[in-house]
């Protein structure tokens, strides 16, 4: 009976509170950082000022139907398309970097959740993913791109929102420097 009671009421010592947020950020970096950066690189336009002009591929990824309708010529798309393509490109570079270094990590994680939701909607409706790729929860298949994988991505980000960036982060360093630590 004592063993069952210990197992049920087991508590993690307060000194171990660093573990969950640190592991969440580490896993995000190990699994998703390069994925998002490589995706962002496909959106950068040509030349030294490519960061100011998204590539045609950026529009095709974000607005597949609209891009196809204009023969994949971004000059025929409007300012709205340019703003969204630029925001998507910068978000894929900046938000994962902020999570990696733990700077404004809660806000960056919230932004990444929004990004993943938009990415998923575009994949489902814009790129026409099939039912197996979309998947569903509580089925026997754990490998669906949308419901299974992206739910786990989002969970890592939710941990960061709830627990913060942890002690090995710029957020922690800033809070100590600015006198917010422990208040």
N, C-alpha and C. Protein backbone atom coordinates (compact mmCIF):
# COMPACT_ATOMS: atom_id res chain seq x y z
N UNK A 1 0.81 -1.18 0.00
CA UNK A 1 0.00 0.00 0.00
C UNK A 1 0.86 1.26 0.00
N UNK A 2 1.94 1.24 0.73
CA UNK A 2 2.84 2.39 0.82
C UNK A 2 3.45 2.70 -0.55
N UNK A 3 3.79 1.67 -1.30
CA UNK A 3 4.38 1.87 -2.63
C UNK A 3 3.35 2.53 -3.56
N UNK A 4 2.12 2.07 -3.52
CA UNK A 4 1.06 2.65 -4.35
C UNK A 4 0.86 4.12 -3.97
N UNK A 5 0.83 4.41 -2.68
CA UNK A 5 0.67 5.78 -2.22
C UNK A 5 1.83 6.65 -2.71
N UNK A 6 3.06 6.15 -2.67
CA UNK A 6 4.21 6.90 -3.16
C UNK A 6 4.10 7.17 -4.66
N UNK A 7 3.68 6.16 -5.40
CA UNK A 7 3.54 6.33 -6.84
C UNK A 7 2.45 7.34 -7.20
N UNK A 8 1.36 7.31 -6.49
CA UNK A 8 0.25 8.21 -6.77
C UNK A 8 0.58 9.64 -6.37
N UNK A 9 1.23 9.81 -5.25
CA UNK A 9 1.48 11.14 -4.70
C UNK A 9 2.90 11.65 -4.94
N UNK A 10 3.63 11.01 -5.83
CA UNK A 10 5.00 11.41 -6.11
C UNK A 10 5.04 12.83 -6.63
N UNK A 11 5.88 13.63 -6.08
CA UNK A 11 6.02 15.04 -6.48
C UNK A 11 7.45 15.30 -6.92
N UNK A 12 7.56 16.10 -7.95
CA UNK A 12 8.88 16.50 -8.42
C UNK A 12 9.36 17.63 -7.52
N UNK A 13 10.58 17.53 -7.03
CA UNK A 13 11.09 18.61 -6.16
C UNK A 13 11.11 19.95 -6.89
N UNK A 14 10.90 21.01 -6.16
CA UNK A 14 10.88 22.35 -6.74
C UNK A 14 12.18 22.67 -7.47
N UNK A 15 13.29 22.08 -7.04
CA UNK A 15 14.57 22.34 -7.69
C UNK A 15 14.60 21.80 -9.13
N UNK A 16 13.67 20.92 -9.47
CA UNK A 16 13.66 20.33 -10.82
C UNK A 16 12.72 21.08 -11.76
N UNK A 17 12.19 22.23 -11.36
CA UNK A 17 11.29 22.99 -12.22
C UNK A 17 11.94 23.49 -13.51
N UNK A 18 13.24 23.48 -13.57
CA UNK A 18 13.96 23.90 -14.77
C UNK A 18 13.86 22.85 -15.88
N UNK A 19 13.58 21.60 -15.50
CA UNK A 19 13.67 20.49 -16.45
C UNK A 19 12.67 20.58 -17.60
N UNK A 20 11.40 20.78 -17.29
CA UNK A 20 10.38 20.76 -18.33
C UNK A 20 10.54 21.87 -19.37
N UNK A 21 10.69 23.14 -18.96
CA UNK A 21 10.84 24.17 -20.00
C UNK A 21 12.14 24.03 -20.79
N UNK A 22 13.19 23.59 -20.12
CA UNK A 22 14.46 23.42 -20.81
C UNK A 22 14.37 22.29 -21.84
N UNK A 23 13.77 21.18 -21.44
CA UNK A 23 13.61 20.06 -22.38
C UNK A 23 12.68 20.41 -23.53
N UNK A 24 11.62 21.16 -23.26
CA UNK A 24 10.70 21.56 -24.33
C UNK A 24 11.43 22.38 -25.39
N UNK A 25 12.23 23.34 -24.95
CA UNK A 25 12.99 24.17 -25.90
C UNK A 25 14.06 23.36 -26.61
N UNK A 26 14.72 22.46 -25.89
CA UNK A 26 15.75 21.62 -26.50
C UNK A 26 15.14 20.71 -27.57
N UNK A 27 14.00 20.10 -27.25
CA UNK A 27 13.34 19.24 -28.24
C UNK A 27 12.83 20.04 -29.43
N UNK A 28 12.30 21.23 -29.18
CA UNK A 28 11.88 22.09 -30.29
C UNK A 28 13.06 22.36 -31.22
N UNK A 29 14.20 22.72 -30.62
CA UNK A 29 15.39 23.01 -31.43
C UNK A 29 15.88 21.76 -32.17
N UNK A 30 15.91 20.63 -31.49
CA UNK A 30 16.42 19.40 -32.10
C UNK A 30 15.53 18.90 -33.23
N UNK A 31 14.23 19.09 -33.09
CA UNK A 31 13.29 18.51 -34.05
C UNK A 31 12.83 19.51 -35.11
N UNK A 32 12.60 20.76 -34.73
CA UNK A 32 11.90 21.68 -35.62
C UNK A 32 12.69 22.90 -36.08
N UNK A 33 13.75 23.27 -35.39
CA UNK A 33 14.47 24.49 -35.73
C UNK A 33 14.94 24.48 -37.19
N UNK A 34 15.67 23.46 -37.58
CA UNK A 34 16.20 23.38 -38.95
C UNK A 34 15.07 23.21 -39.97
N UNK A 35 14.04 22.47 -39.60
CA UNK A 35 12.87 22.32 -40.48
C UNK A 35 12.30 23.69 -40.86
N UNK A 36 12.07 24.54 -39.85
CA UNK A 36 11.50 25.86 -40.13
C UNK A 36 12.49 26.75 -40.86
N UNK A 37 13.76 26.72 -40.49
CA UNK A 37 14.74 27.56 -41.18
C UNK A 37 14.91 27.15 -42.63
N UNK A 38 14.94 25.85 -42.91
CA UNK A 38 15.05 25.41 -44.32
C UNK A 38 13.81 25.84 -45.10
N UNK A 39 12.66 25.74 -44.48
CA UNK A 39 11.43 26.20 -45.12
C UNK A 39 11.49 27.69 -45.39
N UNK A 40 12.00 28.45 -44.43
CA UNK A 40 12.12 29.90 -44.60
C UNK A 40 13.07 30.23 -45.75
N UNK A 41 14.15 29.48 -45.87
CA UNK A 41 15.12 29.73 -46.95
C UNK A 41 14.51 29.56 -48.33
N UNK A 42 13.50 28.68 -48.45
CA UNK A 42 12.83 28.51 -49.75
C UNK A 42 11.98 29.71 -50.10
N UNK A 43 11.73 30.56 -49.14
CA UNK A 43 10.88 31.74 -49.36
C UNK A 43 11.69 33.01 -49.66
N UNK A 44 12.98 32.96 -49.47
CA UNK A 44 13.83 34.14 -49.70
C UNK A 44 14.04 34.31 -51.20
N UNK A 45 13.85 35.53 -51.68
CA UNK A 45 14.05 35.83 -53.09
C UNK A 45 15.51 35.78 -53.50
N UNK A 46 15.76 36.03 -54.76
CA UNK A 46 17.12 35.97 -55.32
C UNK A 46 17.93 37.20 -54.94
N UNK A 47 19.24 37.03 -54.92
CA UNK A 47 20.16 38.14 -54.74
C UNK A 47 20.37 38.53 -53.30
N UNK A 48 21.21 39.55 -53.13
CA UNK A 48 21.58 40.01 -51.80
C UNK A 48 20.40 40.62 -51.04
N UNK A 49 19.43 41.17 -51.77
CA UNK A 49 18.25 41.75 -51.14
C UNK A 49 17.05 40.83 -51.21
N UNK A 50 17.30 39.54 -51.34
CA UNK A 50 16.23 38.55 -51.42
C UNK A 50 15.34 38.53 -50.20
N UNK A 51 15.88 38.99 -49.08
CA UNK A 51 15.07 39.03 -47.86
C UNK A 51 13.99 40.12 -47.93
N UNK A 52 14.04 40.97 -48.95
CA UNK A 52 13.02 42.00 -49.13
C UNK A 52 11.96 41.62 -50.15
N UNK A 53 12.21 40.51 -50.83
CA UNK A 53 11.29 40.10 -51.89
C UNK A 53 11.15 38.57 -51.86
N UNK A 54 10.00 38.08 -51.43
CA UNK A 54 9.83 36.63 -51.36
C UNK A 54 9.96 35.97 -52.72
N UNK A 55 10.43 34.74 -52.72
CA UNK A 55 10.58 33.98 -53.95
C UNK A 55 9.20 33.58 -54.49
N UNK A 56 9.13 33.24 -55.77
CA UNK A 56 7.86 32.72 -56.30
C UNK A 56 7.39 31.49 -55.52
N UNK A 57 8.34 30.69 -55.03
CA UNK A 57 8.00 29.51 -54.23
C UNK A 57 7.30 29.87 -52.93
N UNK A 58 7.62 31.03 -52.38
CA UNK A 58 6.95 31.46 -51.14
C UNK A 58 5.46 31.64 -51.40
N UNK A 59 5.15 32.29 -52.51
CA UNK A 59 3.74 32.50 -52.85
C UNK A 59 3.06 31.16 -53.16
N UNK A 60 3.77 30.27 -53.85
CA UNK A 60 3.19 28.97 -54.18
C UNK A 60 2.94 28.13 -52.93
N UNK A 61 3.81 28.27 -51.92
CA UNK A 61 3.61 27.52 -50.68
C UNK A 61 2.45 28.08 -49.87
N UNK A 62 2.36 29.39 -49.80
CA UNK A 62 1.38 30.04 -48.92
C UNK A 62 0.04 30.24 -49.62
N UNK A 63 0.07 30.55 -50.90
CA UNK A 63 -1.15 30.79 -51.68
C UNK A 63 -1.14 29.90 -52.92
N UNK A 64 -1.26 28.59 -52.75
CA UNK A 64 -1.12 27.70 -53.92
C UNK A 64 -2.13 27.96 -55.03
N UNK A 65 -3.38 28.17 -54.71
CA UNK A 65 -4.40 28.39 -55.74
C UNK A 65 -4.20 29.73 -56.45
N UNK A 66 -3.96 30.77 -55.66
CA UNK A 66 -3.75 32.10 -56.25
C UNK A 66 -2.51 32.12 -57.12
N UNK A 67 -1.45 31.46 -56.69
CA UNK A 67 -0.22 31.41 -57.48
C UNK A 67 -0.43 30.66 -58.78
N UNK A 68 -1.11 29.55 -58.70
CA UNK A 68 -1.39 28.78 -59.92
C UNK A 68 -2.25 29.58 -60.88
N UNK A 69 -3.20 30.34 -60.35
CA UNK A 69 -4.11 31.12 -61.20
C UNK A 69 -3.39 32.20 -62.00
N UNK A 70 -2.26 32.70 -61.49
CA UNK A 70 -1.51 33.74 -62.20
C UNK A 70 -0.24 33.17 -62.84
N UNK A 71 -0.21 31.85 -63.02
CA UNK A 71 0.94 31.22 -63.67
C UNK A 71 2.22 31.33 -62.86
N UNK A 72 2.09 31.36 -61.54
CA UNK A 72 3.23 31.45 -60.60
C UNK A 72 4.08 32.70 -60.83
N UNK A 73 3.42 33.77 -61.26
CA UNK A 73 4.08 35.06 -61.43
C UNK A 73 3.65 35.98 -60.28
N UNK A 74 4.52 36.12 -59.26
CA UNK A 74 4.13 36.90 -58.08
C UNK A 74 3.81 38.36 -58.38
N UNK A 75 4.32 38.90 -59.47
CA UNK A 75 4.05 40.30 -59.79
C UNK A 75 2.56 40.53 -60.08
N UNK A 76 1.83 39.47 -60.35
CA UNK A 76 0.40 39.60 -60.62
C UNK A 76 -0.45 39.48 -59.35
N UNK A 77 0.21 39.24 -58.22
CA UNK A 77 -0.50 39.15 -56.94
C UNK A 77 -0.43 40.51 -56.24
N UNK A 78 -1.31 40.73 -55.29
CA UNK A 78 -1.42 42.03 -54.65
C UNK A 78 -0.52 42.21 -53.43
N UNK A 79 -0.65 43.39 -52.84
CA UNK A 79 0.14 43.75 -51.66
C UNK A 79 -0.18 42.83 -50.48
N UNK A 80 -1.44 42.40 -50.35
CA UNK A 80 -1.80 41.46 -49.28
C UNK A 80 -0.96 40.20 -49.37
N UNK A 81 -0.82 39.66 -50.56
CA UNK A 81 -0.03 38.43 -50.76
C UNK A 81 1.43 38.67 -50.38
N UNK A 82 1.95 39.83 -50.76
CA UNK A 82 3.34 40.15 -50.43
C UNK A 82 3.53 40.26 -48.92
N UNK A 83 2.62 40.95 -48.24
CA UNK A 83 2.73 41.12 -46.78
C UNK A 83 2.69 39.76 -46.08
N UNK A 84 1.76 38.91 -46.48
CA UNK A 84 1.64 37.59 -45.83
C UNK A 84 2.87 36.74 -46.13
N UNK A 85 3.37 36.79 -47.37
CA UNK A 85 4.57 36.01 -47.71
C UNK A 85 5.78 36.51 -46.92
N UNK A 86 5.91 37.81 -46.79
CA UNK A 86 7.01 38.37 -45.99
C UNK A 86 6.88 37.98 -44.52
N UNK A 87 5.68 38.10 -43.98
CA UNK A 87 5.45 37.75 -42.58
C UNK A 87 5.75 36.27 -42.34
N UNK A 88 5.32 35.43 -43.25
CA UNK A 88 5.59 34.00 -43.12
C UNK A 88 7.08 33.69 -43.17
N UNK A 89 7.79 34.34 -44.09
CA UNK A 89 9.23 34.13 -44.22
C UNK A 89 9.95 34.57 -42.94
N UNK A 90 9.65 35.77 -42.48
CA UNK A 90 10.32 36.28 -41.27
C UNK A 90 9.93 35.48 -40.04
N UNK A 91 8.67 35.08 -39.94
CA UNK A 91 8.23 34.29 -38.79
C UNK A 91 9.00 32.98 -38.70
N UNK A 92 9.25 32.35 -39.84
CA UNK A 92 9.97 31.07 -39.83
C UNK A 92 11.43 31.22 -39.43
N UNK A 93 11.99 32.39 -39.64
CA UNK A 93 13.37 32.64 -39.18
C UNK A 93 13.40 33.09 -37.72
N UNK A 94 12.59 34.08 -37.40
CA UNK A 94 12.71 34.79 -36.12
C UNK A 94 12.11 34.01 -34.95
N UNK A 95 10.89 33.50 -35.09
CA UNK A 95 10.24 32.84 -33.96
C UNK A 95 11.01 31.62 -33.46
N UNK A 96 11.47 30.72 -34.34
CA UNK A 96 12.27 29.60 -33.82
C UNK A 96 13.58 30.06 -33.16
N UNK A 97 14.18 31.12 -33.69
CA UNK A 97 15.41 31.65 -33.08
C UNK A 97 15.13 32.17 -31.67
N UNK A 98 14.03 32.89 -31.51
CA UNK A 98 13.66 33.40 -30.18
C UNK A 98 13.42 32.26 -29.19
N UNK A 99 12.79 31.20 -29.66
CA UNK A 99 12.57 30.04 -28.78
C UNK A 99 13.90 29.38 -28.45
N UNK A 100 14.76 29.24 -29.44
CA UNK A 100 16.07 28.62 -29.22
C UNK A 100 16.86 29.33 -28.13
N UNK A 101 16.95 30.65 -28.20
CA UNK A 101 17.74 31.40 -27.23
C UNK A 101 16.94 31.77 -25.99
N UNK A 102 15.64 31.53 -26.03
CA UNK A 102 14.80 31.82 -24.88
C UNK A 102 14.59 33.30 -24.65
N UNK A 103 14.38 34.04 -25.71
CA UNK A 103 14.12 35.48 -25.60
C UNK A 103 12.66 35.73 -26.01
N UNK A 104 11.88 36.33 -25.10
CA UNK A 104 10.44 36.49 -25.33
C UNK A 104 9.83 35.15 -25.75
N UNK A 105 10.29 34.10 -25.08
CA UNK A 105 9.96 32.72 -25.48
C UNK A 105 8.46 32.44 -25.43
N UNK A 106 7.78 32.96 -24.43
CA UNK A 106 6.33 32.71 -24.35
C UNK A 106 5.61 33.32 -25.55
N UNK A 107 5.94 34.55 -25.87
CA UNK A 107 5.32 35.22 -27.02
C UNK A 107 5.71 34.53 -28.33
N UNK A 108 6.97 34.14 -28.45
CA UNK A 108 7.43 33.44 -29.66
C UNK A 108 6.73 32.09 -29.81
N UNK A 109 6.55 31.38 -28.71
CA UNK A 109 5.85 30.09 -28.76
C UNK A 109 4.39 30.28 -29.17
N UNK A 110 3.76 31.33 -28.65
CA UNK A 110 2.38 31.63 -29.05
C UNK A 110 2.32 31.95 -30.54
N UNK A 111 3.29 32.73 -31.02
CA UNK A 111 3.37 33.02 -32.46
C UNK A 111 3.58 31.77 -33.29
N UNK A 112 4.41 30.85 -32.80
CA UNK A 112 4.66 29.61 -33.52
C UNK A 112 3.40 28.74 -33.57
N UNK A 113 2.62 28.74 -32.49
CA UNK A 113 1.36 27.98 -32.52
C UNK A 113 0.45 28.55 -33.60
N UNK A 114 0.35 29.87 -33.67
CA UNK A 114 -0.43 30.49 -34.73
C UNK A 114 0.10 30.12 -36.11
N UNK A 115 1.42 30.13 -36.23
CA UNK A 115 2.05 29.77 -37.50
C UNK A 115 1.70 28.33 -37.88
N UNK A 116 1.81 27.41 -36.94
CA UNK A 116 1.52 25.99 -37.20
C UNK A 116 0.05 25.81 -37.59
N UNK A 117 -0.84 26.55 -36.96
CA UNK A 117 -2.26 26.45 -37.32
C UNK A 117 -2.47 26.93 -38.75
N UNK A 118 -1.90 28.07 -39.10
CA UNK A 118 -2.04 28.59 -40.47
C UNK A 118 -1.40 27.62 -41.46
N UNK A 119 -0.22 27.12 -41.13
CA UNK A 119 0.48 26.14 -41.98
C UNK A 119 -0.41 24.92 -42.22
N UNK A 120 -1.05 24.44 -41.17
CA UNK A 120 -1.90 23.26 -41.28
C UNK A 120 -3.13 23.53 -42.15
N UNK A 121 -3.75 24.69 -41.96
CA UNK A 121 -4.92 25.05 -42.77
C UNK A 121 -4.53 25.14 -44.24
N UNK A 122 -3.39 25.77 -44.52
CA UNK A 122 -2.93 25.87 -45.91
C UNK A 122 -2.63 24.48 -46.47
N UNK A 123 -2.00 23.63 -45.69
CA UNK A 123 -1.70 22.27 -46.16
C UNK A 123 -2.98 21.50 -46.48
N UNK A 124 -3.97 21.63 -45.61
CA UNK A 124 -5.22 20.86 -45.81
C UNK A 124 -6.03 21.43 -46.98
N UNK A 125 -6.30 22.72 -46.95
CA UNK A 125 -7.21 23.30 -47.95
C UNK A 125 -6.49 23.81 -49.20
N UNK A 126 -5.28 24.33 -49.04
CA UNK A 126 -4.56 24.87 -50.19
C UNK A 126 -3.83 23.81 -50.99
N UNK A 127 -3.20 22.87 -50.28
CA UNK A 127 -2.43 21.84 -50.96
C UNK A 127 -3.19 20.52 -51.08
N UNK A 128 -4.36 20.46 -50.48
CA UNK A 128 -5.23 19.30 -50.64
C UNK A 128 -4.67 18.00 -50.10
N UNK A 129 -4.20 18.01 -48.88
CA UNK A 129 -3.70 16.77 -48.28
C UNK A 129 -4.82 15.73 -48.21
N UNK A 130 -4.44 14.47 -48.36
CA UNK A 130 -5.43 13.40 -48.27
C UNK A 130 -5.74 13.07 -46.81
N UNK A 131 -6.78 12.27 -46.61
CA UNK A 131 -7.23 11.94 -45.25
C UNK A 131 -6.16 11.24 -44.43
N UNK A 132 -5.34 10.39 -45.04
CA UNK A 132 -4.29 9.70 -44.30
C UNK A 132 -3.25 10.69 -43.79
N UNK A 133 -2.91 11.69 -44.60
CA UNK A 133 -1.95 12.70 -44.17
C UNK A 133 -2.52 13.60 -43.08
N UNK A 134 -3.79 13.90 -43.17
CA UNK A 134 -4.44 14.72 -42.15
C UNK A 134 -4.58 13.92 -40.86
N UNK A 135 -5.02 12.67 -41.00
CA UNK A 135 -5.14 11.78 -39.85
C UNK A 135 -6.28 12.16 -38.92
N UNK A 136 -6.22 11.59 -37.76
CA UNK A 136 -7.23 11.85 -36.74
C UNK A 136 -6.73 11.32 -35.41
N UNK A 137 -7.21 11.92 -34.37
CA UNK A 137 -6.81 11.45 -33.04
C UNK A 137 -7.58 10.19 -32.68
N UNK A 138 -6.99 9.42 -31.82
CA UNK A 138 -7.60 8.20 -31.30
C UNK A 138 -7.82 7.16 -32.39
N UNK A 139 -7.06 7.24 -33.47
CA UNK A 139 -7.06 6.17 -34.44
C UNK A 139 -5.80 5.34 -34.18
N UNK A 140 -5.55 4.34 -34.95
CA UNK A 140 -4.40 3.48 -34.67
C UNK A 140 -3.13 3.92 -35.39
N UNK A 141 -3.19 5.00 -36.14
CA UNK A 141 -2.04 5.45 -36.91
C UNK A 141 -1.42 6.68 -36.24
N UNK A 142 -0.15 6.59 -35.82
CA UNK A 142 0.49 7.71 -35.13
C UNK A 142 1.31 8.63 -36.03
N UNK A 143 1.16 8.51 -37.35
CA UNK A 143 2.10 9.20 -38.24
C UNK A 143 1.47 10.25 -39.14
N UNK A 144 0.27 10.68 -38.85
CA UNK A 144 -0.36 11.70 -39.70
C UNK A 144 0.36 13.03 -39.53
N UNK A 145 0.55 13.73 -40.63
CA UNK A 145 1.29 14.99 -40.62
C UNK A 145 0.58 16.06 -39.79
N UNK A 146 -0.72 16.16 -39.93
CA UNK A 146 -1.43 17.26 -39.30
C UNK A 146 -1.82 16.95 -37.85
N UNK A 147 -2.78 16.08 -37.63
CA UNK A 147 -3.29 15.86 -36.28
C UNK A 147 -2.26 15.27 -35.34
N UNK A 148 -1.45 14.35 -35.80
CA UNK A 148 -0.51 13.69 -34.89
C UNK A 148 0.76 14.50 -34.69
N UNK A 149 1.49 14.76 -35.75
CA UNK A 149 2.77 15.46 -35.62
C UNK A 149 2.60 16.87 -35.09
N UNK A 150 1.69 17.59 -35.65
CA UNK A 150 1.57 19.01 -35.27
C UNK A 150 0.96 19.19 -33.88
N UNK A 151 0.22 18.20 -33.42
CA UNK A 151 -0.25 18.25 -32.03
C UNK A 151 0.95 18.15 -31.08
N UNK A 152 1.90 17.29 -31.41
CA UNK A 152 3.10 17.18 -30.57
C UNK A 152 3.96 18.44 -30.65
N UNK A 153 4.07 19.03 -31.83
CA UNK A 153 4.79 20.30 -31.96
C UNK A 153 4.15 21.34 -31.05
N UNK A 154 2.83 21.41 -31.14
CA UNK A 154 2.10 22.41 -30.37
C UNK A 154 2.24 22.17 -28.86
N UNK A 155 2.28 20.91 -28.46
CA UNK A 155 2.46 20.61 -27.05
C UNK A 155 3.78 21.18 -26.53
N UNK A 156 4.86 21.02 -27.28
CA UNK A 156 6.14 21.59 -26.87
C UNK A 156 6.04 23.10 -26.71
N UNK A 157 5.32 23.73 -27.60
CA UNK A 157 5.15 25.18 -27.55
C UNK A 157 4.27 25.60 -26.38
N UNK A 158 3.24 24.81 -26.09
CA UNK A 158 2.39 25.11 -24.93
C UNK A 158 3.18 25.01 -23.63
N UNK A 159 4.07 24.03 -23.54
CA UNK A 159 4.92 23.92 -22.35
C UNK A 159 5.73 25.20 -22.18
N UNK A 160 6.26 25.72 -23.28
CA UNK A 160 7.04 26.96 -23.21
C UNK A 160 6.16 28.14 -22.79
N UNK A 161 4.94 28.20 -23.27
CA UNK A 161 4.03 29.28 -22.87
C UNK A 161 3.72 29.19 -21.38
N UNK A 162 3.43 28.00 -20.91
CA UNK A 162 3.02 27.83 -19.51
C UNK A 162 4.19 27.95 -18.54
N UNK A 163 5.32 27.33 -18.87
CA UNK A 163 6.44 27.26 -17.94
C UNK A 163 7.51 28.32 -18.20
N UNK A 164 7.46 28.99 -19.33
CA UNK A 164 8.50 29.95 -19.67
C UNK A 164 9.67 29.25 -20.34
N UNK A 165 10.75 29.98 -20.49
CA UNK A 165 11.92 29.48 -21.22
C UNK A 165 12.85 28.65 -20.34
N UNK A 166 12.73 28.76 -19.04
CA UNK A 166 13.62 28.02 -18.16
C UNK A 166 14.85 28.83 -17.79
N UNK A 167 15.72 28.25 -16.97
CA UNK A 167 16.85 29.00 -16.43
C UNK A 167 17.97 29.28 -17.44
N UNK A 168 18.07 28.44 -18.47
CA UNK A 168 19.12 28.64 -19.46
C UNK A 168 18.49 29.38 -20.64
N UNK A 169 18.28 30.67 -20.44
CA UNK A 169 17.58 31.46 -21.46
C UNK A 169 17.91 32.94 -21.28
N UNK A 170 17.72 33.66 -22.35
CA UNK A 170 17.89 35.12 -22.27
C UNK A 170 16.76 35.75 -21.46
N UNK A 171 15.57 35.15 -21.48
CA UNK A 171 14.49 35.65 -20.63
C UNK A 171 14.90 35.63 -19.17
N UNK A 172 15.49 34.54 -18.73
CA UNK A 172 15.94 34.41 -17.34
C UNK A 172 17.03 35.43 -17.04
N UNK A 173 17.98 35.58 -17.94
CA UNK A 173 19.06 36.54 -17.75
C UNK A 173 18.50 37.97 -17.66
N UNK A 174 17.59 38.31 -18.56
CA UNK A 174 16.98 39.65 -18.55
C UNK A 174 16.18 39.89 -17.27
N UNK A 175 15.44 38.89 -16.85
CA UNK A 175 14.63 39.09 -15.65
C UNK A 175 15.51 39.29 -14.43
N UNK A 176 16.66 38.64 -14.38
CA UNK A 176 17.59 38.87 -13.27
C UNK A 176 18.20 40.26 -13.36
N UNK A 177 18.59 40.66 -14.56
CA UNK A 177 19.21 41.98 -14.76
C UNK A 177 18.25 43.12 -14.44
N UNK A 178 16.98 42.90 -14.80
CA UNK A 178 15.99 43.96 -14.60
C UNK A 178 15.31 43.88 -13.24
N UNK A 179 15.68 42.89 -12.45
CA UNK A 179 15.16 42.77 -11.10
C UNK A 179 13.77 42.17 -11.02
N UNK A 180 13.34 41.43 -12.06
CA UNK A 180 12.02 40.81 -12.04
C UNK A 180 12.07 39.39 -11.52
N UNK A 181 13.23 38.84 -11.34
CA UNK A 181 13.37 37.43 -10.97
C UNK A 181 12.80 37.17 -9.58
N UNK A 182 11.96 36.17 -9.48
CA UNK A 182 11.43 35.75 -8.20
C UNK A 182 10.30 36.58 -7.68
N UNK A 183 9.72 37.46 -8.50
CA UNK A 183 8.60 38.29 -8.04
C UNK A 183 7.32 37.79 -8.60
